[in-house]
Amino acid sequence: MDFQPLDKKFPFKGYEAIDTDVLETFQYEYPGRRINLEIGTEEFTTLCPFSGLPDFGILKISYIPDKLCIELRSLKYYLLSYRQVGIFYEHLVNRVIEDLAYVCKPLEMTVEADYTVRGGLKTRAVAVWRKDDTFL
């Protein structure tokens, strides 16, 4: 049997499809009391920016709030907006941490994307932000 490469690419959306407008916060009633909030999903999906094929993984967000907490329903809508976006793993964690730190201004935050094995390679990307960081 002779197989030929398809050189096929599925369409995907760019970063403009990431919906930051849905993100909402609420007042943290215990400012000054440090707690670590941990949020995760095992059903996170983006698209490969080369092929348009889906990338599946576990996304974990942990943060120490200062005055605001991220409202979870709005976070779900935000994360769902990535399903049709072509994005590299390395860029994903940085984009998520920038968007979330911007809306809730935590004391610190970590975003981890642990993707399923693809082509025999396991990839895990982690971004960390602290209040002193200046990208906001």
C-alpha atoms as a PDB file:
ATOM      1  CA  MET A   1       0.000   0.000   0.000  1.00  0.00           C
ATOM      2  CA  ASP A   2       1.228   3.431  -0.900  1.00  0.00           C
ATOM      3  CA  PHE A   3       0.158   6.209   1.458  1.00  0.00           C
ATOM      4  CA  GLN A   4       0.619   9.825   0.566  1.00  0.00           C
ATOM      5  CA  PRO A   5       0.861  12.639   3.143  1.00  0.00           C
ATOM      6  CA  LEU A   6      -2.333  14.643   3.242  1.00  0.00           C
ATOM      7  CA  ASP A   7      -0.827  17.996   4.180  1.00  0.00           C
ATOM      8  CA  LYS A   8      -4.296  18.721   5.462  1.00  0.00           C
ATOM      9  CA  LYS A   9      -5.050  21.552   7.863  1.00  0.00           C
ATOM     10  CA  PHE A  10      -8.309  22.216   9.677  1.00  0.00           C
ATOM     11  CA  PRO A  11      -9.440  25.823  10.149  1.00  0.00           C
ATOM     12  CA  PHE A  12      -9.123  27.428  13.571  1.00  0.00           C
ATOM     13  CA  LYS A  13      -9.612  30.829  15.151  1.00  0.00           C
ATOM     14  CA  GLY A  14      -6.993  33.262  16.378  1.00  0.00           C
ATOM     15  CA  TYR A  15      -6.539  34.921  19.762  1.00  0.00           C
ATOM     16  CA  GLU A  16      -9.403  37.319  18.988  1.00  0.00           C
ATOM     17  CA  ALA A  17     -11.785  34.441  19.794  1.00  0.00           C
ATOM     18  CA  ILE A  18     -10.599  34.332  23.423  1.00  0.00           C
ATOM     19  CA  ASP A  19     -13.495  35.915  25.314  1.00  0.00           C
ATOM     20  CA  THR A  20     -12.095  37.922  28.230  1.00  0.00           C
ATOM     21  CA  ASP A  21     -15.267  40.013  28.450  1.00  0.00           C
ATOM     22  CA  VAL A  22     -17.095  37.156  30.197  1.00  0.00           C
ATOM     23  CA  LEU A  23     -14.699  37.129  33.176  1.00  0.00           C
ATOM     24  CA  GLU A  24     -16.283  38.377  36.396  1.00  0.00           C
ATOM     25  CA  THR A  25     -15.009  38.749  39.945  1.00  0.00           C
ATOM     26  CA  PHE A  26     -16.496  39.128  43.404  1.00  0.00           C
ATOM     27  CA  GLN A  27     -15.182  40.724  46.564  1.00  0.00           C
ATOM     28  CA  TYR A  28     -13.005  38.531  48.801  1.00  0.00           C
ATOM     29  CA  GLU A  29     -14.397  39.141  52.297  1.00  0.00           C
ATOM     30  CA  TYR A  30     -11.175  38.266  54.123  1.00  0.00           C
ATOM     31  CA  PRO A  31      -8.456  40.482  52.634  1.00  0.00           C
ATOM     32  CA  GLY A  32      -5.215  39.958  54.496  1.00  0.00           C
ATOM     33  CA  ARG A  33      -6.060  36.304  55.171  1.00  0.00           C
ATOM     34  CA  ARG A  34      -4.069  34.230  52.705  1.00  0.00           C
ATOM     35  CA  ILE A  35      -5.845  31.275  51.167  1.00  0.00           C
ATOM     36  CA  ASN A  36      -4.901  29.271  48.118  1.00  0.00           C
ATOM     37  CA  LEU A  37      -7.732  28.755  45.641  1.00  0.00           C
ATOM     38  CA  GLU A  38      -7.252  25.793  43.301  1.00  0.00           C
ATOM     39  CA  ILE A  39      -9.374  25.347  40.188  1.00  0.00           C
ATOM     40  CA  GLY A  40      -8.962  22.645  37.579  1.00  0.00           C
ATOM     41  CA  THR A  41     -10.548  20.959  34.630  1.00  0.00           C
ATOM     42  CA  GLU A  42      -9.664  17.682  32.959  1.00  0.00           C
ATOM     43  CA  GLU A  43     -11.567  18.625  29.819  1.00  0.00           C
ATOM     44  CA  PHE A  44      -9.549  21.561  28.517  1.00  0.00           C
ATOM     45  CA  THR A  45      -9.217  21.735  24.742  1.00  0.00           C
ATOM     46  CA  THR A  46      -7.399  23.990  22.297  1.00  0.00           C
ATOM     47  CA  LEU A  47      -6.308  23.431  18.709  1.00  0.00           C
ATOM     48  CA  CYS A  48      -2.859  22.825  17.276  1.00  0.00           C
ATOM     49  CA  PRO A  49      -1.779  25.979  15.404  1.00  0.00           C
ATOM     50  CA  PHE A  50      -0.179  23.825  12.671  1.00  0.00           C
ATOM     51  CA  SER A  51      -2.816  21.206  11.932  1.00  0.00           C
ATOM     52  CA  GLY A  52      -5.988  22.492  13.583  1.00  0.00           C
ATOM     53  CA  LEU A  53      -6.315  19.125  15.331  1.00  0.00           C
ATOM     54  CA  PRO A  54      -7.492  19.179  18.962  1.00  0.00           C
ATOM     55  CA  ASP A  55      -5.079  19.212  21.896  1.00  0.00           C
ATOM     56  CA  PHE A  56      -6.515  17.835  25.133  1.00  0.00           C
ATOM     57  CA  GLY A  57      -5.210  18.412  28.603  1.00  0.00           C
ATOM     58  CA  ILE A  58      -5.683  19.200  32.236  1.00  0.00           C
ATOM     59  CA  LEU A  59      -5.666  22.875  33.149  1.00  0.00           C
ATOM     60  CA  LYS A  60      -4.955  23.911  36.744  1.00  0.00           C
ATOM     61  CA  ILE A  61      -5.219  27.417  38.120  1.00  0.00           C
ATOM     62  CA  SER A  62      -4.183  28.267  41.653  1.00  0.00           C
ATOM     63  CA  TYR A  63      -4.053  31.723  43.165  1.00  0.00           C
ATOM     64  CA  ILE A  64      -3.956  33.658  46.394  1.00  0.00           C
ATOM     65  CA  PRO A  65      -6.570  36.415  46.194  1.00  0.00           C
ATOM     66  CA  ASP A  66      -5.931  39.921  47.399  1.00  0.00           C
ATOM     67  CA  LYS A  67      -9.324  41.667  47.194  1.00  0.00           C
ATOM     68  CA  LEU A  68     -11.091  39.858  44.338  1.00  0.00           C
ATOM     69  CA  CYS A  69     -11.946  36.243  43.469  1.00  0.00           C
ATOM     70  CA  ILE A  70     -12.738  34.886  40.005  1.00  0.00           C
ATOM     71  CA  GLU A  71     -16.367  33.894  39.579  1.00  0.00           C
ATOM     72  CA  LEU A  72     -16.369  30.257  38.421  1.00  0.00           C
ATOM     73  CA  ARG A  73     -19.256  30.342  35.937  1.00  0.00           C
ATOM     74  CA  SER A  74     -17.547  33.168  34.065  1.00  0.00           C
ATOM     75  CA  LEU A  75     -14.249  31.253  34.166  1.00  0.00           C
ATOM     76  CA  LYS A  76     -15.947  28.269  32.497  1.00  0.00           C
ATOM     77  CA  TYR A  77     -17.220  30.492  29.671  1.00  0.00           C
ATOM     78  CA  TYR A  78     -13.754  32.011  29.297  1.00  0.00           C
ATOM     79  CA  LEU A  79     -12.058  28.599  29.116  1.00  0.00           C
ATOM     80  CA  LEU A  80     -14.635  27.316  26.621  1.00  0.00           C
ATOM     81  CA  SER A  81     -13.690  30.165  24.282  1.00  0.00           C
ATOM     82  CA  TYR A  82     -10.310  28.437  23.726  1.00  0.00           C
ATOM     83  CA  ARG A  83     -11.887  25.384  22.065  1.00  0.00           C
ATOM     84  CA  GLN A  84     -11.552  26.779  18.544  1.00  0.00           C
ATOM     85  CA  VAL A  85      -8.297  28.701  19.082  1.00  0.00           C
ATOM     86  CA  GLY A  86      -4.982  27.595  17.605  1.00  0.00           C
ATOM     87  CA  ILE A  87      -2.371  28.242  20.315  1.00  0.00           C
ATOM     88  CA  PHE A  88       0.951  26.802  21.448  1.00  0.00           C
ATOM     89  CA  TYR A  89       1.080  25.346  24.979  1.00  0.00           C
ATOM     90  CA  GLU A  90       3.741  27.847  26.031  1.00  0.00           C
ATOM     91  CA  HIS A  91       1.623  30.756  24.885  1.00  0.00           C
ATOM     92  CA  LEU A  92      -1.556  29.360  26.396  1.00  0.00           C
ATOM     93  CA  VAL A  93      -0.361  29.404  30.020  1.00  0.00           C
ATOM     94  CA  ASN A  94       1.015  32.915  29.626  1.00  0.00           C
ATOM     95  CA  ARG A  95      -2.168  34.207  27.997  1.00  0.00           C
ATOM     96  CA  VAL A  96      -4.419  32.652  30.671  1.00  0.00           C
ATOM     97  CA  ILE A  97      -2.316  33.998  33.527  1.00  0.00           C
ATOM     98  CA  GLU A  98      -2.246  37.492  31.991  1.00  0.00           C
ATOM     99  CA  ASP A  99      -6.029  37.556  31.516  1.00  0.00           C
ATOM    100  CA  LEU A 100      -6.877  36.163  34.956  1.00  0.00           C
ATOM    101  CA  ALA A 101      -4.307  38.207  36.888  1.00  0.00           C
ATOM    102  CA  TYR A 102      -5.556  41.329  35.118  1.00  0.00           C
ATOM    103  CA  VAL A 103      -9.171  40.847  36.254  1.00  0.00           C
ATOM    104  CA  CYS A 104      -8.606  39.708  39.850  1.00  0.00           C
ATOM    105  CA  LYS A 105      -5.159  41.165  40.706  1.00  0.00           C
ATOM    106  CA  PRO A 106      -4.136  38.321  43.046  1.00  0.00           C
ATOM    107  CA  LEU A 107      -1.134  38.222  45.334  1.00  0.00           C
ATOM    108  CA  GLU A 108       0.169  35.345  43.245  1.00  0.00           C
ATOM    109  CA  MET A 109      -1.083  32.909  40.618  1.00  0.00           C
ATOM    110  CA  THR A 110       0.052  29.744  38.842  1.00  0.00           C
ATOM    111  CA  VAL A 111      -1.413  28.293  35.649  1.00  0.00           C
ATOM    112  CA  GLU A 112      -0.447  24.785  34.589  1.00  0.00           C
ATOM    113  CA  ALA A 113      -1.386  23.022  31.357  1.00  0.00           C
ATOM    114  CA  ASP A 114      -0.677  19.290  31.385  1.00  0.00           C
ATOM    115  CA  TYR A 115      -1.426  17.983  27.901  1.00  0.00           C
ATOM    116  CA  THR A 116      -2.028  14.381  26.900  1.00  0.00           C
ATOM    117  CA  VAL A 117       0.746  12.551  25.090  1.00  0.00           C
ATOM    118  CA  ARG A 118       0.989  13.481  21.420  1.00  0.00           C
ATOM    119  CA  GLY A 119       3.430  11.873  19.039  1.00  0.00           C
ATOM    120  CA  GLY A 120       5.116  10.172  21.985  1.00  0.00           C
ATOM    121  CA  LEU A 121       5.872  13.477  23.727  1.00  0.00           C
ATOM    122  CA  LYS A 122       4.369  14.573  27.045  1.00  0.00           C
ATOM    123  CA  THR A 123       4.167  18.338  27.529  1.00  0.00           C
ATOM    124  CA  ARG A 124       3.487  20.325  30.690  1.00  0.00           C
ATOM    125  CA  ALA A 125       3.731  24.124  30.725  1.00  0.00           C
ATOM    126  CA  VAL A 126       3.613  26.217  33.914  1.00  0.00           C
ATOM    127  CA  ALA A 127       3.447  30.008  34.266  1.00  0.00           C
ATOM    128  CA  VAL A 128       3.784  31.864  37.580  1.00  0.00           C
ATOM    129  CA  TRP A 129       2.793  35.447  38.381  1.00  0.00           C
ATOM    130  CA  ARG A 130       3.354  37.468  41.555  1.00  0.00           C
ATOM    131  CA  LYS A 131       1.957  40.866  42.503  1.00  0.00           C
ATOM    132  CA  ASP A 132       5.367  42.472  41.877  1.00  0.00           C
ATOM    133  CA  ASP A 133       5.356  41.368  38.219  1.00  0.00           C
ATOM    134  CA  THR A 134       4.764  44.213  35.800  1.00  0.00           C
ATOM    135  CA  PHE A 135       2.950  42.738  32.796  1.00  0.00           C
ATOM    136  CA  LEU A 136      -0.500  43.917  33.913  1.00  0.00           C
END
